[in-house]
Amino acid sequence: MIGRFALPVLVGVLGAALGWGALLHSENQRLVRQIAVLDGQLSGCQARTRNITEDKQSDATVADPRTYHVPERWLLPDPDAARD
């Protein structure tokens, strides 16, 4: 009598274990894809942050007139241009 029920119970337990393993595998694959997406988003954020930092550093050098020479002709209008 026990032998008659042992095989169906064993098959049921084996099927449940395989189903659970398949479920865990699909969940793992979903998490791997989600990690890849988040990694891409994080890389994009890091690149944007780096660009903003470099832009602020560049703006700081442009705002400091001691770092470059501006010719007088750039600052004053050309008196000959008004005669045209």
PDB file of N, CA and C in Angstrom:
ATOM      1  N   MET A   1       0.819  -1.187   0.000  1.00  0.00           N
ATOM      2  CA  MET A   1       0.000   0.000   0.000  1.00  0.00           C
ATOM      3  C   MET A   1       0.866   1.256   0.000  1.00  0.00           C
ATOM      4  N   ILE A   2       1.917   1.269   0.811  1.00  0.00           N
ATOM      5  CA  ILE A   2       2.803   2.432   0.838  1.00  0.00           C
ATOM      6  C   ILE A   2       3.522   2.561  -0.502  1.00  0.00           C
ATOM      7  N   GLY A   3       3.899   1.457  -1.117  1.00  0.00           N
ATOM      8  CA  GLY A   3       4.573   1.477  -2.407  1.00  0.00           C
ATOM      9  C   GLY A   3       3.695   2.044  -3.497  1.00  0.00           C
ATOM     10  N   ARG A   4       2.396   1.840  -3.375  1.00  0.00           N
ATOM     11  CA  ARG A   4       1.461   2.335  -4.370  1.00  0.00           C
ATOM     12  C   ARG A   4       1.388   3.865  -4.358  1.00  0.00           C
ATOM     13  N   PHE A   5       1.556   4.458  -3.200  1.00  0.00           N
ATOM     14  CA  PHE A   5       1.509   5.922  -3.085  1.00  0.00           C
ATOM     15  C   PHE A   5       2.893   6.569  -3.172  1.00  0.00           C
ATOM     16  N   ALA A   6       3.926   5.782  -2.979  1.00  0.00           N
ATOM     17  CA  ALA A   6       5.276   6.343  -2.948  1.00  0.00           C
ATOM     18  C   ALA A   6       5.682   6.913  -4.302  1.00  0.00           C
ATOM     19  N   LEU A   7       5.413   6.201  -5.382  1.00  0.00           N
ATOM     20  CA  LEU A   7       5.817   6.664  -6.705  1.00  0.00           C
ATOM     21  C   LEU A   7       5.091   7.957  -7.105  1.00  0.00           C
ATOM     22  N   PRO A   8       3.778   8.071  -6.967  1.00  0.00           N
ATOM     23  CA  PRO A   8       3.134   9.350  -7.311  1.00  0.00           C
ATOM     24  C   PRO A   8       3.592  10.508  -6.422  1.00  0.00           C
ATOM     25  N   VAL A   9       3.813  10.223  -5.142  1.00  0.00           N
ATOM     26  CA  VAL A   9       4.296  11.276  -4.247  1.00  0.00           C
ATOM     27  C   VAL A   9       5.699  11.702  -4.657  1.00  0.00           C
ATOM     28  N   LEU A  10       6.551  10.739  -4.985  1.00  0.00           N
ATOM     29  CA  LEU A  10       7.912  11.047  -5.420  1.00  0.00           C
ATOM     30  C   LEU A  10       7.899  11.862  -6.712  1.00  0.00           C
ATOM     31  N   VAL A  11       7.051  11.486  -7.654  1.00  0.00           N
ATOM     32  CA  VAL A  11       6.941  12.227  -8.912  1.00  0.00           C
ATOM     33  C   VAL A  11       6.416  13.639  -8.648  1.00  0.00           C
ATOM     34  N   GLY A  12       5.451  13.750  -7.749  1.00  0.00           N
ATOM     35  CA  GLY A  12       4.917  15.072  -7.408  1.00  0.00           C
ATOM     36  C   GLY A  12       5.954  15.957  -6.747  1.00  0.00           C
ATOM     37  N   VAL A  13       6.717  15.388  -5.825  1.00  0.00           N
ATOM     38  CA  VAL A  13       7.770  16.159  -5.154  1.00  0.00           C
ATOM     39  C   VAL A  13       8.848  16.555  -6.154  1.00  0.00           C
ATOM     40  N   LEU A  14       9.220  15.634  -7.032  1.00  0.00           N
ATOM     41  CA  LEU A  14      10.232  15.946  -8.044  1.00  0.00           C
ATOM     42  C   LEU A  14       9.727  17.041  -8.992  1.00  0.00           C
ATOM     43  N   GLY A  15       8.461  16.952  -9.398  1.00  0.00           N
ATOM     44  CA  GLY A  15       7.881  17.984 -10.264  1.00  0.00           C
ATOM     45  C   GLY A  15       7.832  19.339  -9.578  1.00  0.00           C
ATOM     46  N   ALA A  16       7.468  19.328  -8.295  1.00  0.00           N
ATOM     47  CA  ALA A  16       7.434  20.589  -7.548  1.00  0.00           C
ATOM     48  C   ALA A  16       8.832  21.177  -7.415  1.00  0.00           C
ATOM     49  N   ALA A  17       9.822  20.332  -7.172  1.00  0.00           N
ATOM     50  CA  ALA A  17      11.201  20.814  -7.045  1.00  0.00           C
ATOM     51  C   ALA A  17      11.692  21.388  -8.369  1.00  0.00           C
ATOM     52  N   LEU A  18      11.373  20.711  -9.473  1.00  0.00           N
ATOM     53  CA  LEU A  18      11.778  21.232 -10.783  1.00  0.00           C
ATOM     54  C   LEU A  18      11.060  22.544 -11.104  1.00  0.00           C
ATOM     55  N   GLY A  19       9.786  22.621 -10.764  1.00  0.00           N
ATOM     56  CA  GLY A  19       9.043  23.865 -10.984  1.00  0.00           C
ATOM     57  C   GLY A  19       9.598  25.007 -10.160  1.00  0.00           C
ATOM     58  N   TRP A  20       9.932  24.720  -8.919  1.00  0.00           N
ATOM     59  CA  TRP A  20      10.513  25.743  -8.050  1.00  0.00           C
ATOM     60  C   TRP A  20      11.876  26.184  -8.582  1.00  0.00           C
ATOM     61  N   GLY A  21      12.677  25.216  -9.066  1.00  0.00           N
ATOM     62  CA  GLY A  21      13.979  25.550  -9.658  1.00  0.00           C
ATOM     63  C   GLY A  21      13.820  26.421 -10.894  1.00  0.00           C
ATOM     64  N   ALA A  22      12.826  26.099 -11.736  1.00  0.00           N
ATOM     65  CA  ALA A  22      12.576  26.914 -12.928  1.00  0.00           C
ATOM     66  C   ALA A  22      12.129  28.319 -12.536  1.00  0.00           C
ATOM     67  N   LEU A  23      11.296  28.408 -11.506  1.00  0.00           N
ATOM     68  CA  LEU A  23      10.847  29.713 -11.022  1.00  0.00           C
ATOM     69  C   LEU A  23      12.025  30.540 -10.507  1.00  0.00           C
ATOM     70  N   LEU A  24      12.899  29.909  -9.737  1.00  0.00           N
ATOM     71  CA  LEU A  24      14.082  30.617  -9.234  1.00  0.00           C
ATOM     72  C   LEU A  24      15.005  31.043 -10.369  1.00  0.00           C
ATOM     73  N   HIS A  25      15.129  30.185 -11.385  1.00  0.00           N
ATOM     74  CA  HIS A  25      15.985  30.522 -12.527  1.00  0.00           C
ATOM     75  C   HIS A  25      15.427  31.735 -13.284  1.00  0.00           C
ATOM     76  N   SER A  26      14.122  31.749 -13.522  1.00  0.00           N
ATOM     77  CA  SER A  26      13.534  32.890 -14.238  1.00  0.00           C
ATOM     78  C   SER A  26      13.629  34.167 -13.407  1.00  0.00           C
ATOM     79  N   GLU A  27      13.447  34.056 -12.100  1.00  0.00           N
ATOM     80  CA  GLU A  27      13.587  35.225 -11.220  1.00  0.00           C
ATOM     81  C   GLU A  27      15.028  35.738 -11.238  1.00  0.00           C
ATOM     82  N   ASN A  28      15.979  34.812 -11.247  1.00  0.00           N
ATOM     83  CA  ASN A  28      17.394  35.188 -11.302  1.00  0.00           C
ATOM     84  C   ASN A  28      17.705  35.904 -12.614  1.00  0.00           C
ATOM     85  N   GLN A  29      17.176  35.405 -13.726  1.00  0.00           N
ATOM     86  CA  GLN A  29      17.404  36.056 -15.016  1.00  0.00           C
ATOM     87  C   GLN A  29      16.795  37.455 -15.045  1.00  0.00           C
ATOM     88  N   ARG A  30      15.620  37.603 -14.452  1.00  0.00           N
ATOM     89  CA  ARG A  30      14.986  38.925 -14.386  1.00  0.00           C
ATOM     90  C   ARG A  30      15.840  39.890 -13.576  1.00  0.00           C
ATOM     91  N   LEU A  31      16.391  39.400 -12.463  1.00  0.00           N
ATOM     92  CA  LEU A  31      17.234  40.258 -11.628  1.00  0.00           C
ATOM     93  C   LEU A  31      18.539  40.622 -12.337  1.00  0.00           C
ATOM     94  N   VAL A  32      19.089  39.695 -13.106  1.00  0.00           N
ATOM     95  CA  VAL A  32      20.312  39.989 -13.864  1.00  0.00           C
ATOM     96  C   VAL A  32      20.039  41.084 -14.891  1.00  0.00           C
ATOM     97  N   ARG A  33      18.897  40.987 -15.583  1.00  0.00           N
ATOM     98  CA  ARG A  33      18.543  42.039 -16.552  1.00  0.00           C
ATOM     99  C   ARG A  33      18.320  43.375 -15.856  1.00  0.00           C
ATOM    100  N   GLN A  34      17.679  43.338 -14.697  1.00  0.00           N
ATOM    101  CA  GLN A  34      17.431  44.575 -13.952  1.00  0.00           C
ATOM    102  C   GLN A  34      18.749  45.197 -13.489  1.00  0.00           C
ATOM    103  N   ILE A  35      19.701  44.371 -13.072  1.00  0.00           N
ATOM    104  CA  ILE A  35      21.014  44.880 -12.667  1.00  0.00           C
ATOM    105  C   ILE A  35      21.713  45.533 -13.852  1.00  0.00           C
ATOM    106  N   ALA A  36      21.606  44.913 -15.034  1.00  0.00           N
ATOM    107  CA  ALA A  36      22.232  45.497 -16.223  1.00  0.00           C
ATOM    108  C   ALA A  36      21.616  46.856 -16.554  1.00  0.00           C
ATOM    109  N   VAL A  37      20.303  46.963 -16.433  1.00  0.00           N
ATOM    110  CA  VAL A  37      19.627  48.246 -16.697  1.00  0.00           C
ATOM    111  C   VAL A  37      20.069  49.291 -15.681  1.00  0.00           C
ATOM    112  N   LEU A  38      20.087  48.918 -14.410  1.00  0.00           N
ATOM    113  CA  LEU A  38      20.484  49.869 -13.368  1.00  0.00           C
ATOM    114  C   LEU A  38      21.949  50.270 -13.512  1.00  0.00           C
ATOM    115  N   ASP A  39      22.784  49.327 -13.928  1.00  0.00           N
ATOM    116  CA  ASP A  39      24.197  49.648 -14.143  1.00  0.00           C
ATOM    117  C   ASP A  39      24.349  50.660 -15.278  1.00  0.00           C
ATOM    118  N   GLY A  40      23.568  50.478 -16.340  1.00  0.00           N
ATOM    119  CA  GLY A  40      23.588  51.450 -17.435  1.00  0.00           C
ATOM    120  C   GLY A  40      23.106  52.819 -17.000  1.00  0.00           C
ATOM    121  N   GLN A  41      22.052  52.850 -16.195  1.00  0.00           N
ATOM    122  CA  GLN A  41      21.550  54.131 -15.702  1.00  0.00           C
ATOM    123  C   GLN A  41      22.570  54.804 -14.793  1.00  0.00           C
ATOM    124  N   LEU A  42      23.225  54.018 -13.957  1.00  0.00           N
ATOM    125  CA  LEU A  42      24.233  54.575 -13.056  1.00  0.00           C
ATOM    126  C   LEU A  42      25.424  55.110 -13.840  1.00  0.00           C
ATOM    127  N   SER A  43      25.828  54.399 -14.886  1.00  0.00           N
ATOM    128  CA  SER A  43      26.927  54.887 -15.721  1.00  0.00           C
ATOM    129  C   SER A  43      26.552  56.205 -16.386  1.00  0.00           C
ATOM    130  N   GLY A  44      25.304  56.301 -16.837  1.00  0.00           N
ATOM    131  CA  GLY A  44      24.845  57.558 -17.435  1.00  0.00           C
ATOM    132  C   GLY A  44      24.849  58.697 -16.436  1.00  0.00           C
ATOM    133  N   CYS A  45      24.425  58.418 -15.213  1.00  0.00           N
ATOM    134  CA  CYS A  45      24.430  59.456 -14.169  1.00  0.00           C
ATOM    135  C   CYS A  45      25.852  59.887 -13.837  1.00  0.00           C
ATOM    136  N   GLN A  46      26.761  58.922 -13.789  1.00  0.00           N
ATOM    137  CA  GLN A  46      28.154  59.257 -13.491  1.00  0.00           C
ATOM    138  C   GLN A  46      28.741  60.115 -14.607  1.00  0.00           C
ATOM    139  N   ALA A  47      28.414  59.789 -15.848  1.00  0.00           N
ATOM    140  CA  ALA A  47      28.919  60.586 -16.967  1.00  0.00           C
ATOM    141  C   ALA A  47      28.355  62.003 -16.922  1.00  0.00           C
ATOM    142  N   ARG A  48      27.062  62.125 -16.612  1.00  0.00           N
ATOM    143  CA  ARG A  48      26.466  63.467 -16.512  1.00  0.00           C
ATOM    144  C   ARG A  48      27.098  64.266 -15.384  1.00  0.00           C
ATOM    145  N   THR A  49      27.327  63.617 -14.259  1.00  0.00           N
ATOM    146  CA  THR A  49      27.953  64.298 -13.124  1.00  0.00           C
ATOM    147  C   THR A  49      29.363  64.746 -13.483  1.00  0.00           C
ATOM    148  N   ARG A  50      30.107  63.887 -14.170  1.00  0.00           N
ATOM    149  CA  ARG A  50      31.467  64.242 -14.589  1.00  0.00           C
ATOM    150  C   ARG A  50      31.431  65.426 -15.557  1.00  0.00           C
ATOM    151  N   ASN A  51      30.472  65.423 -16.487  1.00  0.00           N
ATOM    152  CA  ASN A  51      30.356  66.537 -17.431  1.00  0.00           C
ATOM    153  C   ASN A  51      30.010  67.840 -16.723  1.00  0.00           C
ATOM    154  N   ILE A  52      29.107  67.775 -15.758  1.00  0.00           N
ATOM    155  CA  ILE A  52      28.741  68.980 -15.005  1.00  0.00           C
ATOM    156  C   ILE A  52      29.936  69.500 -14.224  1.00  0.00           C
ATOM    157  N   THR A  53      30.689  68.597 -13.602  1.00  0.00           N
ATOM    158  CA  THR A  53      31.875  69.005 -12.838  1.00  0.00           C
ATOM    159  C   THR A  53      32.910  69.647 -13.747  1.00  0.00           C
ATOM    160  N   GLU A  54      33.158  69.024 -14.906  1.00  0.00           N
ATOM    161  CA  GLU A  54      34.121  69.598 -15.848  1.00  0.00           C
ATOM    162  C   GLU A  54      33.634  70.950 -16.366  1.00  0.00           C
ATOM    163  N   ASP A  55      32.337  71.078 -16.599  1.00  0.00           N
ATOM    164  CA  ASP A  55      31.786  72.346 -17.071  1.00  0.00           C
ATOM    165  C   ASP A  55      31.943  73.436 -16.019  1.00  0.00           C
ATOM    166  N   LYS A  56      31.698  73.098 -14.767  1.00  0.00           N
ATOM    167  CA  LYS A  56      31.871  74.086 -13.696  1.00  0.00           C
ATOM    168  C   LYS A  56      33.337  74.500 -13.574  1.00  0.00           C
ATOM    169  N   GLN A  57      34.254  73.546 -13.707  1.00  0.00           N
ATOM    170  CA  GLN A  57      35.679  73.885 -13.656  1.00  0.00           C
ATOM    171  C   GLN A  57      36.054  74.771 -14.838  1.00  0.00           C
ATOM    172  N   SER A  58      35.504  74.460 -16.004  1.00  0.00           N
ATOM    173  CA  SER A  58      35.770  75.278 -17.184  1.00  0.00           C
ATOM    174  C   SER A  58      35.199  76.682 -17.002  1.00  0.00           C
ATOM    175  N   ASP A  59      33.990  76.774 -16.466  1.00  0.00           N
ATOM    176  CA  ASP A  59      33.392  78.088 -16.209  1.00  0.00           C
ATOM    177  C   ASP A  59      34.215  78.881 -15.204  1.00  0.00           C
ATOM    178  N   ALA A  60      34.777  78.201 -14.232  1.00  0.00           N
ATOM    179  CA  ALA A  60      35.585  78.893 -13.224  1.00  0.00           C
ATOM    180  C   ALA A  60      36.838  79.485 -13.854  1.00  0.00           C
ATOM    181  N   THR A  61      37.434  78.807 -14.816  1.00  0.00           N
ATOM    182  CA  THR A  61      38.633  79.354 -15.455  1.00  0.00           C
ATOM    183  C   THR A  61      38.273  80.497 -16.389  1.00  0.00           C
ATOM    184  N   VAL A  62      37.120  80.418 -17.047  1.00  0.00           N
ATOM    185  CA  VAL A  62      36.706  81.493 -17.948  1.00  0.00           C
ATOM    186  C   VAL A  62      36.329  82.733 -17.149  1.00  0.00           C
ATOM    187  N   ALA A  63      35.745  82.552 -15.988  1.00  0.00           N
ATOM    188  CA  ALA A  63      35.324  83.683 -15.171  1.00  0.00           C
ATOM    189  C   ALA A  63      36.508  84.414 -14.541  1.00  0.00           C
ATOM    190  N   ASP A  64      37.652  83.798 -14.542  1.00  0.00           N
ATOM    191  CA  ASP A  64      38.836  84.417 -13.950  1.00  0.00           C
ATOM    192  C   ASP A  64      39.653  85.066 -15.069  1.00  0.00           C
ATOM    193  N   PRO A  65      39.635  86.402 -15.199  1.00  0.00           N
ATOM    194  CA  PRO A  65      40.330  87.059 -16.313  1.00  0.00           C
ATOM    195  C   PRO A  65      41.847  86.932 -16.240  1.00  0.00           C
ATOM    196  N   ARG A  66      42.368  86.521 -15.126  1.00  0.00           N
ATOM    197  CA  ARG A  66      43.820  86.371 -15.020  1.00  0.00           C
ATOM    198  C   ARG A  66      44.329  85.149 -15.777  1.00  0.00           C
ATOM    199  N   THR A  67      43.450  84.256 -16.167  1.00  0.00           N
ATOM    200  CA  THR A  67      43.895  83.019 -16.802  1.00  0.00           C
ATOM    201  C   THR A  67      44.061  83.145 -18.314  1.00  0.00           C
ATOM    202  N   TYR A  68      43.627  84.242 -18.911  1.00  0.00           N
ATOM    203  CA  TYR A  68      43.772  84.394 -20.354  1.00  0.00           C
ATOM    204  C   TYR A  68      43.886  85.874 -20.715  1.00  0.00           C
ATOM    205  N   HIS A  69      44.392  86.117 -21.910  1.00  0.00           N
ATOM    206  CA  HIS A  69      44.580  87.486 -22.385  1.00  0.00           C
ATOM    207  C   HIS A  69      43.499  87.808 -23.419  1.00  0.00           C
ATOM    208  N   VAL A  70      42.831  88.949 -23.242  1.00  0.00           N
ATOM    209  CA  VAL A  70      41.815  89.408 -24.189  1.00  0.00           C
ATOM    210  C   VAL A  70      42.375  90.623 -24.903  1.00  0.00           C
ATOM    211  N   PRO A  71      42.525  90.560 -26.226  1.00  0.00           N
ATOM    212  CA  PRO A  71      43.031  91.719 -26.961  1.00  0.00           C
ATOM    213  C   PRO A  71      42.064  92.900 -26.861  1.00  0.00           C
ATOM    214  N   GLU A  72      42.621  94.097 -26.907  1.00  0.00           N
ATOM    215  CA  GLU A  72      41.812  95.314 -26.790  1.00  0.00           C
ATOM    216  C   GLU A  72      40.803  95.429 -27.931  1.00  0.00           C
ATOM    217  N   ARG A  73      41.158  94.949 -29.114  1.00  0.00           N
ATOM    218  CA  ARG A  73      40.249  95.055 -30.258  1.00  0.00           C
ATOM    219  C   ARG A  73      38.985  94.228 -30.059  1.00  0.00           C
ATOM    220  N   TRP A  74      39.039  93.247 -29.171  1.00  0.00           N
ATOM    221  CA  TRP A  74      37.837  92.460 -28.867  1.00  0.00           C
ATOM    222  C   TRP A  74      36.898  93.242 -27.945  1.00  0.00           C
ATOM    223  N   LEU A  75      37.460  94.106 -27.127  1.00  0.00           N
ATOM    224  CA  LEU A  75      36.665  94.807 -26.128  1.00  0.00           C
ATOM    225  C   LEU A  75      36.111  96.132 -26.637  1.00  0.00           C
ATOM    226  N   LEU A  76      36.868  96.823 -27.488  1.00  0.00           N
ATOM    227  CA  LEU A  76      36.461  98.140 -27.968  1.00  0.00           C
ATOM    228  C   LEU A  76      35.973  98.040 -29.407  1.00  0.00           C
ATOM    229  N   PRO A  77      34.955  98.802 -29.754  1.00  0.00           N
ATOM    230  CA  PRO A  77      34.476  98.761 -31.140  1.00  0.00           C
ATOM    231  C   PRO A  77      35.511  99.378 -32.075  1.00  0.00           C
ATOM    232  N   ASP A  78      35.503  98.925 -33.292  1.00  0.00           N
ATOM    233  CA  ASP A  78      36.424  99.435 -34.303  1.00  0.00           C
ATOM    234  C   ASP A  78      35.902 100.790 -34.787  1.00  0.00           C
ATOM    235  N   PRO A  79      36.676 101.885 -34.599  1.00  0.00           N
ATOM    236  CA  PRO A  79      36.181 103.211 -35.011  1.00  0.00           C
ATOM    237  C   PRO A  79      36.015 103.322 -36.518  1.00  0.00           C
ATOM    238  N   ASP A  80      36.766 102.555 -37.289  1.00  0.00           N
ATOM    239  CA  ASP A  80      36.651 102.619 -38.750  1.00  0.00           C
ATOM    240  C   ASP A  80      35.382 101.929 -39.246  1.00  0.00           C
ATOM    241  N   ALA A  81      34.846 101.016 -38.478  1.00  0.00           N
ATOM    242  CA  ALA A  81      33.653 100.283 -38.907  1.00  0.00           C
ATOM    243  C   ALA A  81      32.426 101.193 -38.924  1.00  0.00           C
ATOM    244  N   ALA A  82      32.401 102.232 -38.116  1.00  0.00           N
ATOM    245  CA  ALA A  82      31.245 103.135 -38.058  1.00  0.00           C
ATOM    246  C   ALA A  82      31.178 104.025 -39.287  1.00  0.00           C
ATOM    247  N   ARG A  83      32.274 104.231 -39.987  1.00  0.00           N
ATOM    248  CA  ARG A  83      32.312 105.122 -41.146  1.00  0.00           C
ATOM    249  C   ARG A  83      31.747 104.468 -42.396  1.00  0.00           C
ATOM    250  N   ASP A  84      31.603 103.169 -42.390  1.00  0.00           N
ATOM    251  CA  ASP A  84      31.140 102.473 -43.606  1.00  0.00           C
ATOM    252  C   ASP A  84      29.742 102.759 -43.928  1.00  0.00           C
TER     253      ASP A  84
END
